[in-house]
Every structure is written in C-alpha cells, then in structure tokens.
N, C-alpha and C. Protein backbone atom coordinates (compact mmCIF):
# COMPACT_ATOMS: atom_id res chain seq x y z
N MET A 1 -6.84 -43.55 10.82
CA MET A 1 -6.05 -42.61 11.09
C MET A 1 -6.56 -41.07 11.59
N ALA A 2 -6.20 -40.88 12.73
CA ALA A 2 -6.59 -39.76 13.77
C ALA A 2 -6.28 -38.17 12.98
N ARG A 3 -7.22 -37.67 12.95
CA ARG A 3 -7.01 -36.18 12.69
C ARG A 3 -6.25 -35.42 13.20
N ARG A 4 -5.49 -34.77 12.86
CA ARG A 4 -4.29 -33.91 13.64
C ARG A 4 -5.40 -32.51 14.09
N ARG A 5 -5.24 -32.15 15.50
CA ARG A 5 -5.92 -30.91 15.56
C ARG A 5 -5.09 -29.57 14.97
N TYR A 6 -5.85 -28.56 14.83
CA TYR A 6 -4.93 -27.18 14.31
C TYR A 6 -3.90 -26.83 14.97
N GLU A 7 -4.13 -27.12 16.33
CA GLU A 7 -2.80 -26.43 16.91
C GLU A 7 -1.64 -26.93 17.02
N GLU A 8 -1.62 -28.61 16.37
CA GLU A 8 -0.56 -29.56 16.27
C GLU A 8 -0.18 -29.44 15.12
N VAL A 9 -0.71 -28.71 13.86
CA VAL A 9 -0.33 -28.63 12.73
C VAL A 9 1.40 -27.68 12.29
N PRO A 10 2.13 -28.02 12.45
CA PRO A 10 3.41 -27.17 12.28
C PRO A 10 2.93 -25.58 10.79
N ARG A 11 3.21 -24.92 11.30
CA ARG A 11 3.04 -23.67 10.47
C ARG A 11 4.40 -23.63 9.36
N SER A 12 3.91 -23.01 8.27
CA SER A 12 4.58 -22.91 6.91
C SER A 12 5.65 -21.90 6.96
N ASP A 13 6.72 -21.67 6.93
CA ASP A 13 7.84 -20.65 6.81
C ASP A 13 7.09 -19.47 5.49
N THR A 14 6.47 -18.20 5.94
CA THR A 14 6.05 -17.29 5.04
C THR A 14 7.34 -16.31 4.90
N GLY A 15 7.81 -16.32 5.48
CA GLY A 15 9.08 -15.02 5.06
C GLY A 15 9.46 -14.59 4.12
N ARG A 16 9.72 -15.36 3.00
CA ARG A 16 10.22 -15.14 1.55
C ARG A 16 9.01 -14.04 0.84
N ALA A 17 7.93 -15.23 1.04
CA ALA A 17 6.77 -14.36 0.19
C ALA A 17 6.35 -13.36 1.16
N GLU A 18 6.21 -13.02 2.19
CA GLU A 18 6.11 -11.63 3.09
C GLU A 18 7.07 -10.50 2.44
N ALA A 19 8.22 -11.20 2.35
CA ALA A 19 9.41 -9.95 2.07
C ALA A 19 8.87 -9.56 0.57
N PHE A 20 8.79 -10.61 -0.39
CA PHE A 20 8.59 -10.37 -1.87
C PHE A 20 7.19 -9.53 -2.07
N SER A 21 6.02 -9.68 -1.03
CA SER A 21 5.11 -8.86 -1.14
C SER A 21 5.39 -7.61 -1.05
N ASP A 22 5.78 -7.38 0.24
CA ASP A 22 6.38 -6.20 0.93
C ASP A 22 7.24 -5.23 -0.31
N GLY A 23 8.15 -5.83 -0.70
CA GLY A 23 8.95 -5.19 -1.79
C GLY A 23 8.06 -4.76 -2.98
N VAL A 24 7.14 -5.57 -3.67
CA VAL A 24 6.21 -5.28 -4.88
C VAL A 24 5.41 -4.02 -4.30
N LEU A 25 4.88 -4.18 -2.97
CA LEU A 25 3.54 -2.92 -2.78
C LEU A 25 4.37 -1.59 -2.60
N ALA A 26 5.95 -1.82 -2.01
CA ALA A 26 7.03 -0.90 -1.97
C ALA A 26 7.20 0.02 -3.55
N ILE A 27 7.37 -0.89 -4.29
CA ILE A 27 7.41 -0.30 -5.73
C ILE A 27 6.28 0.14 -6.18
N VAL A 28 5.19 -0.24 -5.84
CA VAL A 28 3.89 0.35 -6.27
C VAL A 28 3.53 1.68 -5.76
N ILE A 29 3.81 1.65 -4.51
CA ILE A 29 3.99 3.04 -3.65
C ILE A 29 4.58 3.86 -4.53
N THR A 30 5.90 3.80 -4.60
CA THR A 30 6.99 4.49 -5.09
C THR A 30 6.67 5.05 -6.32
N LEU A 31 6.04 4.30 -7.27
CA LEU A 31 5.72 4.37 -8.47
C LEU A 31 4.52 5.59 -8.69
N MET A 32 3.66 5.81 -7.53
CA MET A 32 2.70 6.78 -7.46
C MET A 32 3.15 8.23 -7.10
N VAL A 33 4.30 8.09 -6.51
CA VAL A 33 4.59 9.24 -6.16
C VAL A 33 4.83 10.55 -7.34
N PRO A 34 5.43 10.15 -8.39
CA PRO A 34 5.81 11.21 -9.38
C PRO A 34 4.47 11.69 -10.03
N HIS A 35 3.15 11.40 -9.73
CA HIS A 35 1.97 11.80 -10.01
C HIS A 35 1.70 13.10 -9.38
N LEU A 36 2.55 13.41 -8.41
CA LEU A 36 2.66 14.49 -7.40
C LEU A 36 3.27 15.42 -8.10
N LYS A 37 2.99 16.47 -8.80
CA LYS A 37 4.07 17.28 -9.00
C LYS A 37 3.33 18.71 -8.77
N PRO A 38 4.28 19.78 -8.30
CA PRO A 38 4.21 21.17 -7.95
C PRO A 38 3.47 21.88 -9.04
N PRO A 39 2.72 22.63 -8.82
CA PRO A 39 2.15 23.85 -9.85
C PRO A 39 3.24 24.55 -10.16
N PRO A 40 3.40 25.14 -11.54
CA PRO A 40 3.99 26.53 -11.63
C PRO A 40 3.91 27.40 -10.75
N ILE A 41 4.68 28.02 -10.31
CA ILE A 41 4.39 29.05 -9.11
C ILE A 41 4.51 30.30 -9.76
N ASP A 42 3.42 31.25 -9.68
CA ASP A 42 3.43 32.69 -9.77
C ASP A 42 3.62 33.63 -8.28
N ALA A 43 4.14 34.21 -8.51
CA ALA A 43 4.72 35.08 -7.14
C ALA A 43 3.12 35.81 -6.59
N GLY A 44 3.19 34.72 -5.06
CA GLY A 44 1.90 35.35 -4.54
C GLY A 44 0.80 34.53 -4.65
N ARG A 45 0.59 33.65 -5.59
CA ARG A 45 -0.54 32.74 -5.95
C ARG A 45 0.07 30.96 -5.68
N LEU A 46 0.54 30.80 -4.57
CA LEU A 46 0.94 29.37 -4.46
C LEU A 46 -0.51 28.87 -3.53
N LEU A 47 -1.18 29.51 -2.67
CA LEU A 47 -1.91 28.40 -2.40
C LEU A 47 -3.09 28.11 -3.69
N VAL A 48 -3.29 29.25 -4.43
CA VAL A 48 -4.15 29.35 -5.17
C VAL A 48 -4.11 28.01 -6.05
N GLN A 49 -2.71 28.26 -6.65
CA GLN A 49 -2.51 26.84 -7.44
C GLN A 49 -2.39 25.69 -6.83
N LEU A 50 -2.11 25.52 -5.81
CA LEU A 50 -2.73 24.56 -4.93
C LEU A 50 -3.90 23.80 -5.10
N LEU A 51 -4.72 24.48 -4.46
CA LEU A 51 -6.10 24.63 -4.26
C LEU A 51 -6.52 24.02 -5.50
N ASN A 52 -6.31 24.53 -6.78
CA ASN A 52 -6.65 24.39 -8.15
C ASN A 52 -6.26 22.96 -8.26
N GLN A 53 -5.34 22.22 -7.85
CA GLN A 53 -5.10 20.81 -7.94
C GLN A 53 -5.81 19.91 -6.75
N TRP A 54 -6.94 20.06 -6.24
CA TRP A 54 -7.11 19.81 -5.21
C TRP A 54 -7.66 18.13 -5.72
N PRO A 55 -8.38 17.91 -6.69
CA PRO A 55 -8.57 16.39 -6.80
C PRO A 55 -7.84 15.37 -6.59
N THR A 56 -6.43 15.84 -7.23
CA THR A 56 -5.21 15.00 -7.21
C THR A 56 -5.07 14.24 -5.47
N TYR A 57 -5.48 15.38 -4.79
CA TYR A 57 -5.06 14.88 -3.33
C TYR A 57 -5.87 13.93 -2.87
N PRO A 58 -7.63 13.55 -3.17
CA PRO A 58 -8.30 12.88 -2.43
C PRO A 58 -7.65 11.25 -3.22
N ALA A 59 -7.64 11.64 -4.69
CA ALA A 59 -7.14 10.63 -5.51
C ALA A 59 -6.04 9.82 -4.81
N CYS A 60 -5.01 10.69 -4.56
CA CYS A 60 -3.83 9.83 -3.93
C CYS A 60 -3.88 9.15 -2.60
N VAL A 61 -4.78 9.87 -1.56
CA VAL A 61 -5.11 9.54 -0.54
C VAL A 61 -6.21 7.84 -0.48
N ALA A 62 -7.18 7.92 -1.56
CA ALA A 62 -7.72 6.86 -1.92
C ALA A 62 -6.89 5.88 -2.42
N SER A 63 -5.99 6.00 -3.16
CA SER A 63 -5.14 5.13 -3.83
C SER A 63 -4.31 4.24 -2.64
N TYR A 64 -3.69 5.12 -1.83
CA TYR A 64 -2.99 4.75 -0.76
C TYR A 64 -3.59 3.68 0.18
N LEU A 65 -4.97 3.96 0.79
CA LEU A 65 -5.66 3.47 1.18
C LEU A 65 -6.38 2.39 1.06
N CYS A 66 -6.36 2.08 -0.53
CA CYS A 66 -6.46 0.67 -1.33
C CYS A 66 -5.61 -0.29 -1.11
N ILE A 67 -4.02 0.55 -1.29
CA ILE A 67 -3.30 -0.46 -1.15
C ILE A 67 -2.58 -0.92 0.29
N ALA A 68 -3.08 0.15 1.23
CA ALA A 68 -2.93 -0.58 2.51
C ALA A 68 -4.01 -1.85 2.62
N VAL A 69 -5.16 -1.49 2.16
CA VAL A 69 -6.14 -2.75 2.67
C VAL A 69 -5.67 -3.99 2.00
N VAL A 70 -5.22 -3.68 0.39
CA VAL A 70 -4.63 -5.10 0.08
C VAL A 70 -3.31 -5.55 0.81
N TRP A 71 -2.51 -4.83 1.10
CA TRP A 71 -1.63 -5.05 2.06
C TRP A 71 -1.62 -5.97 3.36
N LEU A 72 -2.88 -5.25 3.83
CA LEU A 72 -3.17 -5.99 5.40
C LEU A 72 -3.94 -7.28 5.20
N ASN A 73 -4.82 -7.28 4.07
CA ASN A 73 -5.23 -8.60 3.82
C ASN A 73 -4.33 -9.60 3.10
N HIS A 74 -3.32 -9.21 2.75
CA HIS A 74 -2.45 -10.15 2.33
C HIS A 74 -1.61 -10.75 3.44
N LYS A 75 -1.08 -9.86 4.56
CA LYS A 75 -0.39 -10.12 5.51
C LYS A 75 -1.57 -10.89 6.42
N ALA A 76 -2.80 -10.64 6.79
CA ALA A 76 -3.39 -11.99 7.45
C ALA A 76 -3.83 -13.00 6.50
N ALA A 77 -3.79 -13.37 5.29
CA ALA A 77 -3.98 -14.46 4.88
C ALA A 77 -2.27 -15.38 4.93
N LEU A 78 -1.43 -14.69 4.81
CA LEU A 78 0.01 -15.45 5.17
C LEU A 78 0.08 -15.79 6.56
N GLN A 79 -0.49 -15.31 7.36
CA GLN A 79 -0.11 -15.65 8.86
C GLN A 79 -1.28 -16.81 9.02
N ARG A 80 -2.65 -17.07 8.34
CA ARG A 80 -3.18 -17.95 8.27
C ARG A 80 -2.54 -19.38 7.63
N ILE A 81 -1.36 -19.19 6.73
CA ILE A 81 -0.87 -20.39 6.09
C ILE A 81 0.01 -21.06 7.21
C-alpha cells in the first residue's frame, strides 16, 4: 500500500473548533476588563492619580500579549490539522 502524499490528504473541517476557541478567548479578554477601574477623582489631580496606578497598565498589556500569543499559536495549530 503506497503512502499518500501530504498534499493529497483531505483537510479536516476545524471551523467549529476555531469558533469555540475564539469565543473562549473573547470571554477571557472580557473578564480582564473589570480590573481596570478609574481612580477616585479629586479636582485637578486626575493625572497624578492615573500615574499612581501605573503598574496596572503594563500588567494589562502583558496579559493581552500572552492571550494573543496563545490565540495565534492555536490558530496555527488548527491550520495544520
């Protein structure tokens, strides 16, 4: 029995798996948003109060980047299936 070449093998339909994973990641991103809270505002002190929360901003960016890497790797894996 001869082996079939890679190009000849029919691809699986991964549309439902992709849609499900996209939905899960959208929920994860949505659940991250409530952690961003506006500071209590004193008149004329908004910039200072926003700057006091600076560790929150890089943490959110890092979290979104991690989710983006997972999403892109998952998409690449599903394309190979």
